[in-house]
Amino acid sequence: MSLLAIPTHRLDRMAIGLSGLCVVHCLATAVWLSLVATVGGVLGAPIVHELGLSLAMVMGVVALGRGIMQHGYTMPSAVGGLGLGVMAGALTMPHDGSEALYTIVGVSILALGHRLNHIAAE
């Protein structure tokens, strides 16, 4: 069916509906971009990284330290400590992508330490 065959009143309603969708799209885009920018600014703040590292260190000391006392193996703690060190070192790097890469590597090494700790406890 061509547009010429559609009655004018129906075309007008369709055009009004399309205009409404345009307004919704524009407002939603503006709100979404503002929200993303705000959340990105908050999550990218240095204090968030420092608090996260502090929490990881406390949990690592407790879990990995308890593991040494429980099963007697120090390797999981050493691996986890290396991961924490890489994470701490990443905080000193510029925010050009290398910080994120080293943080991911450190987190992965730390997770391996916790996994080894879990396996040793079984």
Protein backbone atom coordinates (compact mmCIF):
# COMPACT_ATOMS: atom_id res chain seq x y z
CA MET A 1 0.00 0.00 0.00
CA SER A 2 1.48 3.35 -0.99
CA LEU A 3 1.39 6.46 1.16
CA LEU A 4 -0.89 8.09 -1.41
CA ALA A 5 -3.57 5.50 -0.76
CA ILE A 6 -3.63 6.10 3.00
CA PRO A 7 -6.28 8.62 4.11
CA THR A 8 -4.92 11.98 5.26
CA HIS A 9 -6.25 11.69 8.82
CA ARG A 10 -4.45 8.37 9.23
CA LEU A 11 -1.21 9.81 7.79
CA ASP A 12 -1.50 12.72 10.22
CA ARG A 13 -1.89 10.34 13.16
CA MET A 14 1.05 8.28 11.98
CA ALA A 15 3.16 11.42 11.59
CA ILE A 16 2.17 12.62 15.07
CA GLY A 17 3.07 9.19 16.45
CA LEU A 18 6.42 9.34 14.67
CA SER A 19 7.03 12.81 16.09
CA GLY A 20 6.21 11.48 19.55
CA LEU A 21 8.67 8.64 19.09
CA CYS A 22 11.28 11.18 18.03
CA VAL A 23 10.71 13.18 21.23
CA VAL A 24 10.94 10.03 23.35
CA HIS A 25 14.12 9.02 21.55
CA CYS A 26 15.74 12.44 22.01
CA LEU A 27 14.83 12.67 25.70
CA ALA A 28 15.82 9.07 26.41
CA THR A 29 19.15 9.57 24.65
CA ALA A 30 19.89 12.74 26.63
CA VAL A 31 18.93 11.07 29.91
CA TRP A 32 20.88 7.91 29.08
CA LEU A 33 24.04 9.80 28.11
CA SER A 34 23.83 11.96 31.23
CA LEU A 35 23.37 8.89 33.40
CA VAL A 36 26.25 7.04 31.77
CA ALA A 37 28.53 10.07 32.11
CA THR A 38 27.62 10.46 35.77
CA VAL A 39 28.04 6.78 36.59
CA GLY A 40 31.27 6.68 34.59
CA GLY A 41 32.58 9.64 36.54
CA VAL A 42 31.69 8.06 39.87
CA LEU A 43 33.04 4.60 39.01
CA GLY A 44 36.20 6.11 37.54
CA ALA A 45 36.97 8.15 40.66
CA PRO A 46 40.25 7.21 42.36
CA ILE A 47 38.53 6.68 45.72
CA VAL A 48 36.46 3.83 44.24
CA HIS A 49 39.64 2.06 43.10
CA GLU A 50 41.35 2.67 46.43
CA LEU A 51 38.37 1.38 48.41
CA GLY A 52 38.10 -1.65 46.13
CA LEU A 53 41.77 -2.47 46.58
CA SER A 54 41.48 -2.00 50.35
CA LEU A 55 38.52 -4.36 50.50
CA ALA A 56 40.36 -6.90 48.32
CA MET A 57 43.39 -6.71 50.62
CA VAL A 58 41.34 -7.22 53.78
CA MET A 59 39.43 -10.13 52.29
CA GLY A 60 42.64 -11.60 50.86
CA VAL A 61 44.48 -11.45 54.18
CA VAL A 62 41.57 -13.04 56.02
CA ALA A 63 40.75 -15.77 53.49
CA LEU A 64 44.27 -16.63 52.40
CA GLY A 65 45.66 -16.31 55.94
CA ARG A 66 42.95 -18.57 57.28
CA GLY A 67 43.78 -21.02 54.50
CA ILE A 68 47.42 -21.23 55.61
CA MET A 69 46.28 -21.95 59.15
CA GLN A 70 43.76 -24.54 57.94
CA HIS A 71 45.72 -26.51 55.35
CA GLY A 72 49.30 -25.31 55.88
CA TYR A 73 50.07 -24.45 52.24
CA THR A 74 51.57 -21.02 51.54
CA MET A 75 51.46 -21.14 47.73
CA PRO A 76 47.84 -19.90 47.46
CA SER A 77 48.69 -16.95 49.70
CA ALA A 78 51.82 -16.15 47.69
CA VAL A 79 49.87 -16.21 44.42
CA GLY A 80 47.11 -14.09 45.94
CA GLY A 81 49.66 -11.64 47.32
CA LEU A 82 51.21 -11.29 43.86
CA GLY A 83 47.77 -10.48 42.47
CA LEU A 84 47.19 -7.85 45.13
CA GLY A 85 50.59 -6.36 44.35
CA VAL A 86 49.79 -6.13 40.65
CA MET A 87 46.46 -4.49 41.51
CA ALA A 88 48.17 -1.98 43.79
CA GLY A 89 50.75 -1.22 41.11
CA ALA A 90 47.99 -0.63 38.59
CA LEU A 91 46.73 2.28 40.69
CA THR A 92 49.96 4.14 39.98
CA MET A 93 49.58 3.86 36.20
CA PRO A 94 48.09 6.47 33.87
CA HIS A 95 44.43 6.12 32.90
CA ASP A 96 45.19 5.19 29.29
CA GLY A 97 43.92 1.63 29.34
CA SER A 98 47.06 0.13 30.85
CA GLU A 99 45.66 0.63 34.36
CA ALA A 100 42.60 -1.44 33.47
CA LEU A 101 44.71 -4.12 31.81
CA TYR A 102 47.02 -4.50 34.82
CA THR A 103 44.06 -4.43 37.21
CA ILE A 104 42.41 -7.26 35.29
CA VAL A 105 45.66 -9.24 35.32
CA GLY A 106 46.03 -8.63 39.08
CA VAL A 107 42.43 -9.59 39.79
CA SER A 108 42.88 -12.77 37.74
CA ILE A 109 46.03 -13.72 39.66
CA LEU A 110 44.28 -12.98 42.97
CA ALA A 111 41.31 -15.13 41.91
CA LEU A 112 43.74 -17.94 41.06
CA GLY A 113 45.22 -17.64 44.56
CA HIS A 114 41.75 -17.91 46.09
CA ARG A 115 40.96 -20.88 43.84
CA LEU A 116 44.17 -22.64 44.90
CA ASN A 117 43.28 -21.88 48.53
CA HIS A 118 39.84 -23.42 48.00
CA ILE A 119 41.29 -26.53 46.37
CA ALA A 120 43.86 -26.97 49.16
CA ALA A 121 41.10 -26.77 51.78
CA GLU A 122 39.16 -29.65 50.20
